[in-house]
Amino acid sequence: MNHVSSLSFAIVPFEGADTIAPVVDGVSLAEIVSTFEREHGFDPVGGYGGLIPEWFKYGPLDKYFLGEFGSDSYFGKMGRIYLLGCGDCGEVGCWPLLARVRVTPAEVLWDSFEQPHRRLRDYSQLGPFRFSIEQYRKAVAALNV
């Protein structure tokens, strides 16, 4: 898949905090994943929500979403980042969606999606999502305003 997608983030209030939810080509990532899971017969389907930076130590979001952390860090050891958390309670430990982030001089790629509580699920046909590095950096930088 060579389509270059656009990235933005929806900021939604949740229990006194704000969630940050990726939006790919104008569609929430949570909706994209739920549709994928439904089409592949996964049960349960969906249940995802945005990340809540106040509740978890992601570090600076511009570095987090670019995968800029040491290989011995929590995320470095996982080899992935959380893109979505639980839509019911907001916790990434409850019902997360993880993905690998790869950065080149021209693009950012999300692939190797995983639902760690359902290890047998095959997400290999989800994505990959490609973003131009310039547009991606602008979308992520807007989170730190």
C-alpha atoms as a PDB file:
ATOM      1  CA  MET A   1       0.000   0.000   0.000  1.00  0.00           C
ATOM      2  CA  ASN A   2       1.661   3.222  -1.154  1.00  0.00           C
ATOM      3  CA  HIS A   3      -1.141   5.619  -0.275  1.00  0.00           C
ATOM      4  CA  VAL A   4       0.096   8.547   1.822  1.00  0.00           C
ATOM      5  CA  SER A   5      -2.412   9.311   4.556  1.00  0.00           C
ATOM      6  CA  SER A   6      -2.970  12.488   6.524  1.00  0.00           C
ATOM      7  CA  LEU A   7      -2.807  12.512  10.302  1.00  0.00           C
ATOM      8  CA  SER A   8      -4.610  14.662  12.809  1.00  0.00           C
ATOM      9  CA  PHE A   9      -5.669  14.187  16.396  1.00  0.00           C
ATOM     10  CA  ALA A  10      -9.064  14.545  18.034  1.00  0.00           C
ATOM     11  CA  ILE A  11      -8.940  15.942  21.548  1.00  0.00           C
ATOM     12  CA  VAL A  12     -11.922  14.696  23.549  1.00  0.00           C
ATOM     13  CA  PRO A  13     -12.686  15.281  27.251  1.00  0.00           C
ATOM     14  CA  PHE A  14     -12.816  12.143  29.400  1.00  0.00           C
ATOM     15  CA  GLU A  15     -13.361  12.100  33.164  1.00  0.00           C
ATOM     16  CA  GLY A  16     -11.701  15.457  33.783  1.00  0.00           C
ATOM     17  CA  ALA A  17      -8.810  14.859  31.385  1.00  0.00           C
ATOM     18  CA  ASP A  18      -8.323  15.073  27.630  1.00  0.00           C
ATOM     19  CA  THR A  19      -7.882  12.084  25.357  1.00  0.00           C
ATOM     20  CA  ILE A  20      -5.735  12.264  22.249  1.00  0.00           C
ATOM     21  CA  ALA A  21      -7.040  10.046  19.468  1.00  0.00           C
ATOM     22  CA  PRO A  22      -5.370   9.650  16.066  1.00  0.00           C
ATOM     23  CA  VAL A  23      -7.466  10.466  13.002  1.00  0.00           C
ATOM     24  CA  VAL A  24      -6.271   9.005   9.687  1.00  0.00           C
ATOM     25  CA  ASP A  25      -7.611  10.556   6.478  1.00  0.00           C
ATOM     26  CA  GLY A  26     -10.471  12.113   8.449  1.00  0.00           C
ATOM     27  CA  VAL A  27     -11.550   8.848  10.136  1.00  0.00           C
ATOM     28  CA  SER A  28     -10.778   8.045  13.770  1.00  0.00           C
ATOM     29  CA  LEU A  29      -8.253   5.258  14.171  1.00  0.00           C
ATOM     30  CA  ALA A  30     -10.595   3.670  16.726  1.00  0.00           C
ATOM     31  CA  GLU A  31     -13.284   3.430  14.024  1.00  0.00           C
ATOM     32  CA  ILE A  32     -10.822   2.060  11.453  1.00  0.00           C
ATOM     33  CA  VAL A  33      -9.672  -0.642  13.876  1.00  0.00           C
ATOM     34  CA  SER A  34     -13.228  -1.518  14.953  1.00  0.00           C
ATOM     35  CA  THR A  35     -14.264  -1.943  11.320  1.00  0.00           C
ATOM     36  CA  PHE A  36     -11.209  -4.128  10.657  1.00  0.00           C
ATOM     37  CA  GLU A  37     -11.955  -6.290  13.704  1.00  0.00           C
ATOM     38  CA  ARG A  38     -15.618  -6.689  12.728  1.00  0.00           C
ATOM     39  CA  GLU A  39     -14.692  -7.656   9.151  1.00  0.00           C
ATOM     40  CA  HIS A  40     -12.244 -10.279  10.482  1.00  0.00           C
ATOM     41  CA  GLY A  41     -14.687 -11.823  12.936  1.00  0.00           C
ATOM     42  CA  PHE A  42     -12.860 -10.739  16.085  1.00  0.00           C
ATOM     43  CA  ASP A  43     -14.780 -10.804  19.354  1.00  0.00           C
ATOM     44  CA  PRO A  44     -14.998  -8.448  21.138  1.00  0.00           C
ATOM     45  CA  VAL A  45     -14.877  -5.719  18.517  1.00  0.00           C
ATOM     46  CA  GLY A  46     -13.581  -2.232  19.194  1.00  0.00           C
ATOM     47  CA  GLY A  47     -13.728  -0.664  22.605  1.00  0.00           C
ATOM     48  CA  TYR A  48     -10.849   1.712  21.896  1.00  0.00           C
ATOM     49  CA  GLY A  49     -10.450   5.330  22.932  1.00  0.00           C
ATOM     50  CA  GLY A  50      -7.780   7.979  22.913  1.00  0.00           C
ATOM     51  CA  LEU A  51      -4.637   8.189  25.005  1.00  0.00           C
ATOM     52  CA  ILE A  52      -4.683  10.243  28.205  1.00  0.00           C
ATOM     53  CA  PRO A  53      -1.248  11.827  28.712  1.00  0.00           C
ATOM     54  CA  GLU A  54      -2.149  12.875  32.271  1.00  0.00           C
ATOM     55  CA  TRP A  55      -2.570   9.198  33.213  1.00  0.00           C
ATOM     56  CA  PHE A  56       0.575   7.658  31.705  1.00  0.00           C
ATOM     57  CA  LYS A  57       4.190   8.792  31.242  1.00  0.00           C
ATOM     58  CA  TYR A  58       4.504   9.047  27.484  1.00  0.00           C
ATOM     59  CA  GLY A  59       7.106  11.794  27.708  1.00  0.00           C
ATOM     60  CA  PRO A  60       7.066  14.665  25.210  1.00  0.00           C
ATOM     61  CA  LEU A  61       4.390  13.730  22.668  1.00  0.00           C
ATOM     62  CA  ASP A  62       6.413  14.981  19.699  1.00  0.00           C
ATOM     63  CA  LYS A  63       9.132  12.476  20.580  1.00  0.00           C
ATOM     64  CA  TYR A  64       6.682   9.734  21.601  1.00  0.00           C
ATOM     65  CA  PHE A  65       4.773   9.661  18.303  1.00  0.00           C
ATOM     66  CA  LEU A  66       8.060   9.657  16.371  1.00  0.00           C
ATOM     67  CA  GLY A  67       9.351   6.701  18.362  1.00  0.00           C
ATOM     68  CA  GLU A  68      12.225   8.761  19.745  1.00  0.00           C
ATOM     69  CA  PHE A  69      13.132   6.996  22.959  1.00  0.00           C
ATOM     70  CA  GLY A  70      16.032   4.807  23.996  1.00  0.00           C
ATOM     71  CA  SER A  71      16.077   1.102  23.199  1.00  0.00           C
ATOM     72  CA  ASP A  72      16.281   0.398  26.940  1.00  0.00           C
ATOM     73  CA  SER A  73      13.165   2.485  27.695  1.00  0.00           C
ATOM     74  CA  TYR A  74       9.703   1.009  28.299  1.00  0.00           C
ATOM     75  CA  PHE A  75       8.612   1.694  24.709  1.00  0.00           C
ATOM     76  CA  GLY A  76      11.986   0.747  23.272  1.00  0.00           C
ATOM     77  CA  LYS A  77      11.727  -2.671  24.886  1.00  0.00           C
ATOM     78  CA  MET A  78       8.187  -3.140  23.530  1.00  0.00           C
ATOM     79  CA  GLY A  79       9.242  -2.020  20.062  1.00  0.00           C
ATOM     80  CA  ARG A  80       5.845  -0.341  19.710  1.00  0.00           C
ATOM     81  CA  ILE A  81       3.837   2.556  21.044  1.00  0.00           C
ATOM     82  CA  TYR A  82       0.277   2.818  22.247  1.00  0.00           C
ATOM     83  CA  LEU A  83      -1.935   4.502  19.660  1.00  0.00           C
ATOM     84  CA  LEU A  84      -5.224   3.818  21.453  1.00  0.00           C
ATOM     85  CA  GLY A  85      -6.315   2.923  24.970  1.00  0.00           C
ATOM     86  CA  CYS A  86      -9.516   1.602  26.484  1.00  0.00           C
ATOM     87  CA  GLY A  87     -12.620   3.532  25.466  1.00  0.00           C
ATOM     88  CA  ASP A  88     -14.421   2.579  28.687  1.00  0.00           C
ATOM     89  CA  CYS A  89     -11.872   3.367  31.403  1.00  0.00           C
ATOM     90  CA  GLY A  90      -9.156   5.268  29.510  1.00  0.00           C
ATOM     91  CA  GLU A  91      -6.304   3.003  30.625  1.00  0.00           C
ATOM     92  CA  VAL A  92      -3.735   1.764  28.111  1.00  0.00           C
ATOM     93  CA  GLY A  93      -3.130  -1.310  30.263  1.00  0.00           C
ATOM     94  CA  CYS A  94      -6.765  -2.357  29.962  1.00  0.00           C
ATOM     95  CA  TRP A  95      -7.412  -2.479  26.204  1.00  0.00           C
ATOM     96  CA  PRO A  96      -4.655  -0.925  24.084  1.00  0.00           C
ATOM     97  CA  LEU A  97      -3.757  -0.939  20.433  1.00  0.00           C
ATOM     98  CA  LEU A  98      -0.039  -0.888  19.764  1.00  0.00           C
ATOM     99  CA  ALA A  99       1.894  -0.260  16.566  1.00  0.00           C
ATOM    100  CA  ARG A 100       5.479  -0.018  15.430  1.00  0.00           C
ATOM    101  CA  VAL A 101       6.544   3.450  14.300  1.00  0.00           C
ATOM    102  CA  ARG A 102       9.236   3.713  11.670  1.00  0.00           C
ATOM    103  CA  VAL A 103      10.643   7.051  10.567  1.00  0.00           C
ATOM    104  CA  THR A 104      12.586   7.752   7.390  1.00  0.00           C
ATOM    105  CA  PRO A 105      13.699  11.134   6.049  1.00  0.00           C
ATOM    106  CA  ALA A 106      10.526  11.249   3.910  1.00  0.00           C
ATOM    107  CA  GLU A 107       7.808   9.428   5.846  1.00  0.00           C
ATOM    108  CA  VAL A 108       6.467   7.904   9.033  1.00  0.00           C
ATOM    109  CA  LEU A 109       5.023   4.400   8.876  1.00  0.00           C
ATOM    110  CA  TRP A 110       2.665   2.700  11.344  1.00  0.00           C
ATOM    111  CA  ASP A 111       2.602  -1.077  11.024  1.00  0.00           C
ATOM    112  CA  SER A 112       2.826  -4.310  13.054  1.00  0.00           C
ATOM    113  CA  PHE A 113      -0.363  -3.558  14.968  1.00  0.00           C
ATOM    114  CA  GLU A 114      -1.072  -5.579  18.075  1.00  0.00           C
ATOM    115  CA  GLN A 115      -3.752  -6.070  20.716  1.00  0.00           C
ATOM    116  CA  PRO A 116      -1.640  -7.530  23.536  1.00  0.00           C
ATOM    117  CA  HIS A 117      -4.637  -9.053  25.344  1.00  0.00           C
ATOM    118  CA  ARG A 118      -5.572 -11.030  22.207  1.00  0.00           C
ATOM    119  CA  ARG A 119      -2.200 -12.298  20.975  1.00  0.00           C
ATOM    120  CA  LEU A 120      -3.777 -14.693  18.458  1.00  0.00           C
ATOM    121  CA  ARG A 121      -5.413 -11.884  16.506  1.00  0.00           C
ATOM    122  CA  ASP A 122      -3.767 -11.230  13.157  1.00  0.00           C
ATOM    123  CA  TYR A 123      -3.547  -7.517  12.354  1.00  0.00           C
ATOM    124  CA  SER A 124      -1.090  -7.976   9.483  1.00  0.00           C
ATOM    125  CA  GLN A 125      -3.714  -6.724   7.001  1.00  0.00           C
ATOM    126  CA  LEU A 126      -4.353  -3.532   8.993  1.00  0.00           C
ATOM    127  CA  GLY A 127      -2.364  -0.732   7.395  1.00  0.00           C
ATOM    128  CA  PRO A 128       0.386   0.012   7.054  1.00  0.00           C
ATOM    129  CA  PHE A 129      -0.371   3.695   7.351  1.00  0.00           C
ATOM    130  CA  ARG A 130       2.119   6.022   5.658  1.00  0.00           C
ATOM    131  CA  PHE A 131       2.393   9.725   6.433  1.00  0.00           C
ATOM    132  CA  SER A 132       4.645  12.381   4.938  1.00  0.00           C
ATOM    133  CA  ILE A 133       7.196  13.368   7.551  1.00  0.00           C
ATOM    134  CA  GLU A 134       6.354  17.076   7.245  1.00  0.00           C
ATOM    135  CA  GLN A 135       2.604  16.655   7.702  1.00  0.00           C
ATOM    136  CA  TYR A 136       3.104  14.134  10.518  1.00  0.00           C
ATOM    137  CA  ARG A 137       5.495  16.425  12.411  1.00  0.00           C
ATOM    138  CA  LYS A 138       3.007  19.310  12.115  1.00  0.00           C
ATOM    139  CA  ALA A 139       0.133  17.181  13.440  1.00  0.00           C
ATOM    140  CA  VAL A 140       2.212  15.946  16.364  1.00  0.00           C
ATOM    141  CA  ALA A 141       3.656  19.403  17.116  1.00  0.00           C
ATOM    142  CA  ALA A 142       0.110  20.765  17.431  1.00  0.00           C
ATOM    143  CA  LEU A 143      -0.387  18.446  20.445  1.00  0.00           C
ATOM    144  CA  ASN A 144       2.273  20.309  22.433  1.00  0.00           C
ATOM    145  CA  VAL A 145       0.706  23.740  22.020  1.00  0.00           C
END
